[in-house]
Amino acid sequence: MVRVDMQLKSSKIMNIPALLLPSEFRRFLAMPQGTLYIKPTYGDVKGLEATVSVGDIVSSRHRTLVKVVDYKSKRSHYVSDNIVKGISEYRVVINPPGLLSLNAMTTSTSTLRGYIHVVGEEDLLVIPFLAKSNISILYGQPGTGVVKVDSDVNVALKVLKILKPTIVTYKCGV
């Protein structure tokens, strides 16, 4: 098993092609885009399964074929052995906060099983999975529960249309 709670130390600066989420759409995408399962008081949502989980807590608590994590929860460091339990395929992508990088999109759409470690932020990586056929995606709704959404290429295209192409200079540890 590969441990990925390592601290990435270098400060390499990279130019990354990405799609930028305009600030006026942040509230829209913060709303649940599927079925919201509210966690019971002092408990977790139990029994949910899907093809993909996006987010550290959701990935550590639910069975999925693909787990997408950035080792953060609510902007704080988060590590759980349950995230990588039983998963041998492993990829690293760079995806700066508030963006959807080409690197992250292509890796997400080509991954059928395994674990994707995001250097940056994983929140918007639900979008490329929406474009895949016949899959379900779980992601966390902070402080509330878990959202389960089925893939739908029309929804993915609608969201992609609001994103703006950009090139970002990103200082990351690689």
N, C-alpha and C. Protein backbone atom coordinates (compact mmCIF):
# COMPACT_ATOMS: atom_id res chain seq x y z
N MET A 1 0.84 -1.18 0.00
CA MET A 1 0.00 0.00 0.00
C MET A 1 0.88 1.24 0.00
N VAL A 2 0.50 2.23 -0.78
CA VAL A 2 1.25 3.48 -0.87
C VAL A 2 0.67 4.45 0.14
N ARG A 3 1.50 5.01 1.00
CA ARG A 3 1.07 6.06 1.93
C ARG A 3 1.23 7.39 1.22
N VAL A 4 0.20 8.21 1.23
CA VAL A 4 0.26 9.46 0.50
C VAL A 4 0.07 10.66 1.43
N ASP A 5 0.22 10.46 2.72
CA ASP A 5 0.09 11.59 3.63
C ASP A 5 1.41 12.36 3.71
N MET A 6 2.29 12.07 2.75
CA MET A 6 3.57 12.77 2.68
C MET A 6 3.34 14.24 2.39
N GLN A 7 4.23 15.06 2.82
CA GLN A 7 4.18 16.47 2.50
C GLN A 7 4.99 16.68 1.23
N LEU A 8 4.36 17.24 0.23
CA LEU A 8 5.05 17.50 -1.01
C LEU A 8 5.86 18.77 -0.82
N LYS A 9 7.17 18.69 -0.96
CA LYS A 9 8.06 19.72 -0.47
C LYS A 9 8.56 20.74 -1.49
N SER A 10 8.71 20.38 -2.74
CA SER A 10 9.29 21.34 -3.67
C SER A 10 8.31 22.47 -3.95
N SER A 11 8.79 23.52 -4.54
CA SER A 11 7.92 24.65 -4.84
C SER A 11 7.95 24.95 -6.33
N LYS A 12 7.76 23.93 -7.10
CA LYS A 12 7.79 24.06 -8.55
C LYS A 12 6.62 24.93 -9.02
N ILE A 13 6.90 25.85 -9.92
CA ILE A 13 5.86 26.70 -10.47
C ILE A 13 5.49 26.16 -11.85
N MET A 14 4.19 25.97 -12.06
CA MET A 14 3.72 25.37 -13.30
C MET A 14 2.65 26.25 -13.93
N ASN A 15 2.61 26.26 -15.26
CA ASN A 15 1.50 26.86 -15.98
C ASN A 15 0.54 25.73 -16.34
N ILE A 16 -0.69 25.87 -15.90
CA ILE A 16 -1.66 24.79 -16.03
C ILE A 16 -2.88 25.26 -16.82
N PRO A 17 -3.23 24.57 -17.92
CA PRO A 17 -4.49 24.90 -18.59
C PRO A 17 -5.65 24.42 -17.73
N ALA A 18 -6.63 25.29 -17.53
CA ALA A 18 -7.73 24.95 -16.63
C ALA A 18 -8.98 25.72 -17.01
N LEU A 19 -10.08 25.29 -16.41
CA LEU A 19 -11.35 26.00 -16.51
C LEU A 19 -11.61 26.66 -15.17
N LEU A 20 -11.96 27.93 -15.18
CA LEU A 20 -12.17 28.71 -13.97
C LEU A 20 -13.66 28.83 -13.68
N LEU A 21 -14.04 28.61 -12.43
CA LEU A 21 -15.42 28.78 -12.02
C LEU A 21 -15.63 30.26 -11.66
N PRO A 22 -16.43 30.99 -12.46
CA PRO A 22 -16.69 32.39 -12.12
C PRO A 22 -17.35 32.50 -10.75
N SER A 23 -17.01 33.52 -10.00
CA SER A 23 -17.48 33.67 -8.62
C SER A 23 -19.01 33.71 -8.53
N GLU A 24 -19.68 34.22 -9.55
CA GLU A 24 -21.14 34.31 -9.48
C GLU A 24 -21.84 32.94 -9.53
N PHE A 25 -21.12 31.89 -9.89
CA PHE A 25 -21.71 30.56 -9.94
C PHE A 25 -21.34 29.69 -8.74
N ARG A 26 -20.50 30.17 -7.86
CA ARG A 26 -20.06 29.38 -6.71
C ARG A 26 -21.24 28.96 -5.82
N ARG A 27 -22.17 29.87 -5.58
CA ARG A 27 -23.34 29.54 -4.75
C ARG A 27 -24.18 28.45 -5.38
N PHE A 28 -24.36 28.53 -6.70
CA PHE A 28 -25.15 27.53 -7.42
C PHE A 28 -24.54 26.14 -7.24
N LEU A 29 -23.23 26.02 -7.44
CA LEU A 29 -22.60 24.71 -7.33
C LEU A 29 -22.44 24.26 -5.87
N ALA A 30 -22.59 25.15 -4.91
CA ALA A 30 -22.55 24.77 -3.50
C ALA A 30 -23.85 24.09 -3.07
N MET A 31 -24.91 24.27 -3.85
CA MET A 31 -26.20 23.62 -3.56
C MET A 31 -26.11 22.16 -4.01
N PRO A 32 -26.77 21.25 -3.29
CA PRO A 32 -26.76 19.84 -3.71
C PRO A 32 -27.30 19.68 -5.13
N GLN A 33 -26.57 18.94 -5.97
CA GLN A 33 -26.95 18.75 -7.36
C GLN A 33 -27.53 17.35 -7.60
N GLY A 34 -27.88 16.66 -6.53
CA GLY A 34 -28.47 15.33 -6.62
C GLY A 34 -29.33 15.10 -5.39
N THR A 35 -29.40 13.86 -4.95
CA THR A 35 -30.18 13.52 -3.76
C THR A 35 -29.31 13.74 -2.53
N LEU A 36 -29.80 14.55 -1.60
CA LEU A 36 -29.08 14.84 -0.37
C LEU A 36 -29.53 13.87 0.72
N TYR A 37 -28.58 13.12 1.26
CA TYR A 37 -28.84 12.22 2.39
C TYR A 37 -28.32 12.93 3.63
N ILE A 38 -29.24 13.30 4.51
CA ILE A 38 -28.87 14.05 5.71
C ILE A 38 -28.41 13.07 6.77
N LYS A 39 -27.24 13.36 7.36
CA LYS A 39 -26.71 12.46 8.38
C LYS A 39 -27.53 12.62 9.65
N PRO A 40 -27.77 11.49 10.34
CA PRO A 40 -28.46 11.57 11.63
C PRO A 40 -27.60 12.34 12.63
N THR A 41 -28.22 12.90 13.65
CA THR A 41 -27.48 13.61 14.68
C THR A 41 -26.39 12.71 15.24
N TYR A 42 -25.18 13.23 15.29
CA TYR A 42 -24.01 12.53 15.81
C TYR A 42 -23.66 11.25 15.05
N GLY A 43 -24.10 11.12 13.84
CA GLY A 43 -23.81 9.90 13.10
C GLY A 43 -23.47 10.18 11.65
N ASP A 44 -23.27 9.10 10.91
CA ASP A 44 -22.94 9.20 9.50
C ASP A 44 -24.07 8.60 8.68
N VAL A 45 -24.11 8.96 7.42
CA VAL A 45 -25.03 8.33 6.50
C VAL A 45 -24.48 6.94 6.23
N LYS A 46 -25.27 5.92 6.47
CA LYS A 46 -24.79 4.54 6.33
C LYS A 46 -25.38 3.88 5.09
N GLY A 47 -24.62 2.95 4.51
CA GLY A 47 -25.13 2.11 3.45
C GLY A 47 -25.11 2.68 2.04
N LEU A 48 -24.58 3.85 1.84
CA LEU A 48 -24.52 4.39 0.49
C LEU A 48 -23.35 3.79 -0.28
N GLU A 49 -23.60 3.41 -1.51
CA GLU A 49 -22.54 2.94 -2.40
C GLU A 49 -22.67 3.66 -3.73
N ALA A 50 -21.57 3.83 -4.39
CA ALA A 50 -21.57 4.50 -5.69
C ALA A 50 -20.34 4.06 -6.46
N THR A 51 -20.20 4.56 -7.67
CA THR A 51 -19.03 4.27 -8.49
C THR A 51 -17.85 5.13 -8.06
N VAL A 52 -18.13 6.41 -7.76
CA VAL A 52 -17.08 7.39 -7.47
C VAL A 52 -17.43 8.14 -6.19
N SER A 53 -16.41 8.44 -5.39
CA SER A 53 -16.58 9.36 -4.26
C SER A 53 -15.57 10.50 -4.43
N VAL A 54 -16.05 11.72 -4.22
CA VAL A 54 -15.20 12.90 -4.32
C VAL A 54 -15.22 13.58 -2.96
N GLY A 55 -14.05 13.61 -2.31
CA GLY A 55 -13.94 14.20 -0.98
C GLY A 55 -13.37 13.19 0.00
N ASP A 56 -12.61 13.68 0.93
CA ASP A 56 -11.89 12.80 1.85
C ASP A 56 -12.81 12.05 2.81
N ILE A 57 -13.72 12.73 3.46
CA ILE A 57 -14.57 12.06 4.43
C ILE A 57 -15.51 11.08 3.73
N VAL A 58 -16.12 11.50 2.64
CA VAL A 58 -17.00 10.61 1.88
C VAL A 58 -16.21 9.39 1.39
N SER A 59 -15.00 9.59 0.90
CA SER A 59 -14.19 8.49 0.39
C SER A 59 -13.76 7.53 1.50
N SER A 60 -13.59 8.04 2.71
CA SER A 60 -13.17 7.18 3.81
C SER A 60 -14.34 6.39 4.40
N ARG A 61 -15.57 6.81 4.15
CA ARG A 61 -16.72 6.18 4.81
C ARG A 61 -17.64 5.40 3.87
N HIS A 62 -17.39 5.45 2.56
CA HIS A 62 -18.30 4.79 1.63
C HIS A 62 -17.53 3.95 0.62
N ARG A 63 -18.17 2.86 0.17
CA ARG A 63 -17.56 1.97 -0.80
C ARG A 63 -17.76 2.51 -2.21
N THR A 64 -16.64 2.75 -2.89
CA THR A 64 -16.68 3.19 -4.28
C THR A 64 -15.49 2.59 -5.03
N LEU A 65 -15.59 2.54 -6.33
CA LEU A 65 -14.49 2.03 -7.16
C LEU A 65 -13.40 3.07 -7.35
N VAL A 66 -13.79 4.35 -7.40
CA VAL A 66 -12.84 5.45 -7.57
C VAL A 66 -13.01 6.40 -6.40
N LYS A 67 -11.90 6.78 -5.78
CA LYS A 67 -11.90 7.72 -4.66
C LYS A 67 -11.02 8.91 -5.02
N VAL A 68 -11.57 10.12 -4.89
CA VAL A 68 -10.85 11.35 -5.24
C VAL A 68 -10.69 12.17 -3.96
N VAL A 69 -9.44 12.40 -3.56
CA VAL A 69 -9.18 13.08 -2.29
C VAL A 69 -8.04 14.09 -2.41
N ASP A 70 -8.03 15.06 -1.50
CA ASP A 70 -6.93 16.02 -1.45
C ASP A 70 -6.29 16.10 -0.06
N TYR A 71 -6.67 15.19 0.82
CA TYR A 71 -6.17 15.14 2.19
C TYR A 71 -6.48 16.41 2.98
N LYS A 72 -7.67 16.98 2.67
CA LYS A 72 -8.15 18.13 3.43
C LYS A 72 -9.65 17.97 3.61
N SER A 73 -10.15 18.49 4.71
CA SER A 73 -11.57 18.58 4.94
C SER A 73 -11.83 19.94 5.57
N LYS A 74 -12.70 20.72 4.96
CA LYS A 74 -12.97 22.09 5.41
C LYS A 74 -11.66 22.86 5.57
N ARG A 75 -10.77 22.70 4.62
CA ARG A 75 -9.49 23.41 4.52
C ARG A 75 -8.47 22.99 5.59
N SER A 76 -8.77 21.95 6.36
CA SER A 76 -7.82 21.45 7.36
C SER A 76 -7.29 20.09 6.92
N HIS A 77 -6.06 19.76 7.33
CA HIS A 77 -5.44 18.49 6.98
C HIS A 77 -6.29 17.32 7.47
N TYR A 78 -6.47 16.30 6.64
CA TYR A 78 -7.28 15.13 6.98
C TYR A 78 -6.63 13.89 6.40
N VAL A 79 -6.42 12.88 7.22
CA VAL A 79 -5.85 11.61 6.76
C VAL A 79 -6.63 10.47 7.38
N SER A 80 -7.01 9.49 6.56
CA SER A 80 -7.69 8.30 7.05
C SER A 80 -7.16 7.09 6.29
N ASP A 81 -6.83 6.04 7.01
CA ASP A 81 -6.38 4.80 6.35
C ASP A 81 -7.50 4.17 5.53
N ASN A 82 -8.75 4.47 5.85
CA ASN A 82 -9.87 3.89 5.11
C ASN A 82 -9.94 4.38 3.67
N ILE A 83 -9.34 5.51 3.37
CA ILE A 83 -9.40 6.04 2.01
C ILE A 83 -8.74 5.07 1.03
N VAL A 84 -7.55 4.60 1.35
CA VAL A 84 -6.80 3.76 0.41
C VAL A 84 -6.94 2.27 0.70
N LYS A 85 -7.74 1.91 1.66
CA LYS A 85 -7.92 0.50 2.03
C LYS A 85 -8.43 -0.31 0.84
N GLY A 86 -7.66 -1.32 0.45
CA GLY A 86 -8.06 -2.21 -0.64
C GLY A 86 -7.90 -1.64 -2.04
N ILE A 87 -7.28 -0.49 -2.18
CA ILE A 87 -7.10 0.12 -3.50
C ILE A 87 -5.63 0.10 -3.88
N SER A 88 -5.34 -0.44 -5.06
CA SER A 88 -3.94 -0.53 -5.47
C SER A 88 -3.59 0.45 -6.60
N GLU A 89 -4.56 0.85 -7.40
CA GLU A 89 -4.27 1.79 -8.48
C GLU A 89 -4.29 3.20 -7.94
N TYR A 90 -3.28 3.98 -8.32
CA TYR A 90 -3.05 5.27 -7.69
C TYR A 90 -2.59 6.28 -8.72
N ARG A 91 -3.19 7.47 -8.71
CA ARG A 91 -2.80 8.54 -9.62
C ARG A 91 -2.71 9.85 -8.84
N VAL A 92 -1.87 10.76 -9.33
CA VAL A 92 -1.76 12.10 -8.74
C VAL A 92 -2.10 13.10 -9.83
N VAL A 93 -2.95 14.07 -9.49
CA VAL A 93 -3.30 15.14 -10.42
C VAL A 93 -3.09 16.49 -9.74
N ILE A 94 -2.90 17.51 -10.55
CA ILE A 94 -2.78 18.87 -10.04
C ILE A 94 -4.05 19.61 -10.44
N ASN A 95 -4.73 20.15 -9.44
CA ASN A 95 -5.96 20.88 -9.68
C ASN A 95 -6.06 22.03 -8.67
N PRO A 96 -5.64 23.24 -9.07
CA PRO A 96 -5.69 24.37 -8.15
C PRO A 96 -7.11 24.67 -7.65
N PRO A 97 -7.25 25.25 -6.47
CA PRO A 97 -8.57 25.58 -5.93
C PRO A 97 -9.39 26.47 -6.87
N GLY A 98 -10.69 26.15 -6.98
CA GLY A 98 -11.59 26.95 -7.80
C GLY A 98 -11.46 26.73 -9.29
N LEU A 99 -10.66 25.74 -9.67
CA LEU A 99 -10.41 25.46 -11.08
C LEU A 99 -10.67 23.99 -11.38
N LEU A 100 -10.77 23.70 -12.65
CA LEU A 100 -10.84 22.34 -13.14
C LEU A 100 -9.74 22.20 -14.17
N SER A 101 -8.62 21.60 -13.77
CA SER A 101 -7.45 21.53 -14.67
C SER A 101 -7.64 20.44 -15.73
N LEU A 102 -7.00 20.65 -16.87
CA LEU A 102 -7.03 19.66 -17.93
C LEU A 102 -6.45 18.34 -17.44
N ASN A 103 -5.39 18.42 -16.66
CA ASN A 103 -4.77 17.23 -16.07
C ASN A 103 -5.76 16.44 -15.23
N ALA A 104 -6.50 17.12 -14.37
CA ALA A 104 -7.46 16.44 -13.50
C ALA A 104 -8.65 15.90 -14.29
N MET A 105 -9.10 16.66 -15.29
CA MET A 105 -10.24 16.20 -16.10
C MET A 105 -9.91 14.94 -16.87
N THR A 106 -8.77 14.91 -17.55
CA THR A 106 -8.44 13.73 -18.36
C THR A 106 -8.18 12.52 -17.49
N THR A 107 -7.53 12.71 -16.35
CA THR A 107 -7.30 11.59 -15.45
C THR A 107 -8.61 11.06 -14.90
N SER A 108 -9.50 11.95 -14.51
CA SER A 108 -10.79 11.54 -13.96
C SER A 108 -11.61 10.76 -14.97
N THR A 109 -11.69 11.25 -16.19
CA THR A 109 -12.52 10.58 -17.18
C THR A 109 -11.93 9.25 -17.64
N SER A 110 -10.65 9.04 -17.45
CA SER A 110 -10.03 7.78 -17.88
C SER A 110 -9.86 6.77 -16.73
N THR A 111 -10.21 7.15 -15.52
CA THR A 111 -10.03 6.26 -14.38
C THR A 111 -11.28 5.42 -14.15
N LEU A 112 -11.11 4.10 -14.15
CA LEU A 112 -12.23 3.18 -13.93
C LEU A 112 -12.27 2.66 -12.50
N ARG A 113 -11.12 2.61 -11.87
CA ARG A 113 -11.04 2.20 -10.47
C ARG A 113 -9.73 2.70 -9.90
N GLY A 114 -9.70 2.88 -8.61
CA GLY A 114 -8.49 3.32 -7.95
C GLY A 114 -8.68 4.59 -7.17
N TYR A 115 -7.59 5.26 -7.00
CA TYR A 115 -7.49 6.37 -6.07
C TYR A 115 -6.82 7.54 -6.78
N ILE A 116 -7.41 8.72 -6.70
CA ILE A 116 -6.83 9.92 -7.31
C ILE A 116 -6.49 10.89 -6.19
N HIS A 117 -5.20 11.17 -6.03
CA HIS A 117 -4.74 12.15 -5.04
C HIS A 117 -4.60 13.48 -5.75
N VAL A 118 -5.35 14.47 -5.29
CA VAL A 118 -5.36 15.80 -5.90
C VAL A 118 -4.43 16.72 -5.12
N VAL A 119 -3.46 17.28 -5.82
CA VAL A 119 -2.63 18.33 -5.26
C VAL A 119 -3.37 19.63 -5.59
N GLY A 120 -3.91 20.25 -4.58
CA GLY A 120 -4.76 21.43 -4.78
C GLY A 120 -6.10 21.19 -4.11
N GLU A 121 -7.17 21.13 -4.92
CA GLU A 121 -8.52 20.96 -4.37
C GLU A 121 -9.35 20.07 -5.29
N GLU A 122 -10.10 19.15 -4.70
CA GLU A 122 -10.85 18.18 -5.47
C GLU A 122 -12.31 18.53 -5.72
N ASP A 123 -12.83 19.58 -5.13
CA ASP A 123 -14.26 19.87 -5.13
C ASP A 123 -14.92 19.82 -6.51
N LEU A 124 -14.33 20.43 -7.52
CA LEU A 124 -14.95 20.51 -8.84
C LEU A 124 -14.79 19.24 -9.67
N LEU A 125 -14.10 18.24 -9.14
CA LEU A 125 -13.87 17.02 -9.92
C LEU A 125 -15.11 16.13 -10.02
N VAL A 126 -16.20 16.52 -9.41
CA VAL A 126 -17.47 15.83 -9.66
C VAL A 126 -17.84 16.02 -11.13
N ILE A 127 -17.55 17.17 -11.70
CA ILE A 127 -18.00 17.54 -13.05
C ILE A 127 -17.53 16.56 -14.13
N PRO A 128 -16.24 16.21 -14.23
CA PRO A 128 -15.87 15.28 -15.31
C PRO A 128 -16.51 13.90 -15.14
N PHE A 129 -16.77 13.49 -13.91
CA PHE A 129 -17.42 12.19 -13.71
C PHE A 129 -18.88 12.23 -14.15
N LEU A 130 -19.52 13.39 -14.10
CA LEU A 130 -20.90 13.51 -14.57
C LEU A 130 -21.02 13.16 -16.05
N ALA A 131 -19.94 13.39 -16.81
CA ALA A 131 -19.97 13.15 -18.25
C ALA A 131 -19.80 11.67 -18.62
N LYS A 132 -19.44 10.84 -17.65
CA LYS A 132 -19.28 9.41 -17.94
C LYS A 132 -20.65 8.73 -17.97
N SER A 133 -20.74 7.59 -18.61
CA SER A 133 -22.02 6.90 -18.74
C SER A 133 -22.28 5.96 -17.56
N ASN A 134 -23.50 5.98 -17.10
CA ASN A 134 -24.01 5.01 -16.13
C ASN A 134 -23.18 4.86 -14.86
N ILE A 135 -22.83 5.97 -14.23
CA ILE A 135 -22.15 5.88 -12.95
C ILE A 135 -22.88 6.76 -11.93
N SER A 136 -22.59 6.51 -10.67
CA SER A 136 -23.13 7.35 -9.60
C SER A 136 -21.95 7.94 -8.83
N ILE A 137 -22.17 9.14 -8.32
CA ILE A 137 -21.10 9.88 -7.65
C ILE A 137 -21.60 10.32 -6.28
N LEU A 138 -20.75 10.15 -5.27
CA LEU A 138 -21.02 10.65 -3.93
C LEU A 138 -20.08 11.81 -3.65
N TYR A 139 -20.59 12.85 -3.03
CA TYR A 139 -19.72 13.92 -2.54
C TYR A 139 -20.35 14.51 -1.29
N GLY A 140 -19.51 15.10 -0.46
CA GLY A 140 -19.98 15.62 0.82
C GLY A 140 -20.66 16.96 0.69
N GLN A 141 -21.68 17.14 1.51
CA GLN A 141 -22.32 18.45 1.67
C GLN A 141 -21.96 18.88 3.09
N PRO A 142 -20.94 19.74 3.23
CA PRO A 142 -20.38 20.04 4.55
C PRO A 142 -21.42 20.40 5.61
N GLY A 143 -21.28 19.73 6.76
CA GLY A 143 -22.14 19.98 7.90
C GLY A 143 -23.54 19.41 7.77
N THR A 144 -23.84 18.75 6.63
CA THR A 144 -25.21 18.28 6.39
C THR A 144 -25.28 16.79 6.12
N GLY A 145 -24.51 16.31 5.16
CA GLY A 145 -24.60 14.91 4.79
C GLY A 145 -23.85 14.60 3.52
N VAL A 146 -24.44 13.74 2.71
CA VAL A 146 -23.82 13.25 1.49
C VAL A 146 -24.79 13.42 0.33
N VAL A 147 -24.27 13.84 -0.82
CA VAL A 147 -25.08 13.97 -2.03
C VAL A 147 -24.72 12.81 -2.95
N LYS A 148 -25.76 12.18 -3.50
CA LYS A 148 -25.56 11.14 -4.51
C LYS A 148 -26.20 11.63 -5.80
N VAL A 149 -25.41 11.62 -6.86
CA VAL A 149 -25.89 12.09 -8.16
C VAL A 149 -25.50 11.05 -9.22
N ASP A 150 -26.42 10.81 -10.14
CA ASP A 150 -26.13 9.92 -11.26
C ASP A 150 -25.55 10.74 -12.40
N SER A 151 -24.64 10.10 -13.15
CA SER A 151 -24.01 10.81 -14.26
C SER A 151 -25.06 11.22 -15.29
N ASP A 152 -24.81 12.35 -15.90
CA ASP A 152 -25.72 12.90 -16.91
C ASP A 152 -24.90 13.86 -17.76
N VAL A 153 -24.64 13.48 -18.98
CA VAL A 153 -23.78 14.28 -19.85
C VAL A 153 -24.39 15.67 -20.08
N ASN A 154 -25.71 15.79 -20.12
CA ASN A 154 -26.34 17.10 -20.32
C ASN A 154 -26.07 18.03 -19.15
N VAL A 155 -26.11 17.52 -17.94
CA VAL A 155 -25.79 18.33 -16.77
C VAL A 155 -24.31 18.72 -16.80
N ALA A 156 -23.44 17.77 -17.15
CA ALA A 156 -22.00 18.06 -17.23
C ALA A 156 -21.75 19.16 -18.25
N LEU A 157 -22.38 19.09 -19.41
CA LEU A 157 -22.18 20.11 -20.44
C LEU A 157 -22.71 21.47 -19.99
N LYS A 158 -23.84 21.48 -19.29
CA LYS A 158 -24.41 22.73 -18.79
C LYS A 158 -23.43 23.39 -17.81
N VAL A 159 -22.84 22.60 -16.92
CA VAL A 159 -21.88 23.15 -15.96
C VAL A 159 -20.60 23.58 -16.66
N LEU A 160 -20.11 22.77 -17.59
CA LEU A 160 -18.89 23.12 -18.32
C LEU A 160 -19.04 24.43 -19.10
N LYS A 161 -20.25 24.73 -19.57
CA LYS A 161 -20.48 25.96 -20.32
C LYS A 161 -20.30 27.21 -19.47
N ILE A 162 -20.48 27.10 -18.15
CA ILE A 162 -20.32 28.29 -17.30
C ILE A 162 -18.86 28.53 -16.90
N LEU A 163 -18.01 27.52 -17.11
CA LEU A 163 -16.60 27.65 -16.76
C LEU A 163 -15.86 28.42 -17.85
N LYS A 164 -14.86 29.17 -17.45
CA LYS A 164 -14.10 30.00 -18.39
C LYS A 164 -12.69 29.45 -18.56
N PRO A 165 -12.23 29.26 -19.82
CA PRO A 165 -10.86 28.78 -20.05
C PRO A 165 -9.83 29.78 -19.52
N THR A 166 -8.78 29.25 -18.93
CA THR A 166 -7.71 30.11 -18.40
C THR A 166 -6.42 29.30 -18.31
N ILE A 167 -5.32 29.99 -18.21
CA ILE A 167 -4.03 29.39 -17.89
C ILE A 167 -3.63 29.97 -16.55
N VAL A 168 -3.36 29.11 -15.59
CA VAL A 168 -2.98 29.61 -14.27
C VAL A 168 -1.54 29.26 -13.99
N THR A 169 -0.88 30.13 -13.25
CA THR A 169 0.45 29.84 -12.74
C THR A 169 0.24 29.34 -11.33
N TYR A 170 0.64 28.12 -11.07
CA TYR A 170 0.35 27.49 -9.80
C TYR A 170 1.64 27.00 -9.17
N LYS A 171 1.85 27.38 -7.95
CA LYS A 171 3.03 26.92 -7.20
C LYS A 171 2.57 25.70 -6.41
N CYS A 172 3.13 24.56 -6.76
CA CYS A 172 2.69 23.34 -6.10
C CYS A 172 3.89 22.50 -5.72
N GLY A 173 3.65 21.63 -4.80
CA GLY A 173 4.69 20.68 -4.41
C GLY A 173 4.56 19.44 -5.24
N VAL A 174 5.51 19.19 -6.10
CA VAL A 174 5.49 17.98 -6.92
C VAL A 174 6.81 17.28 -6.79
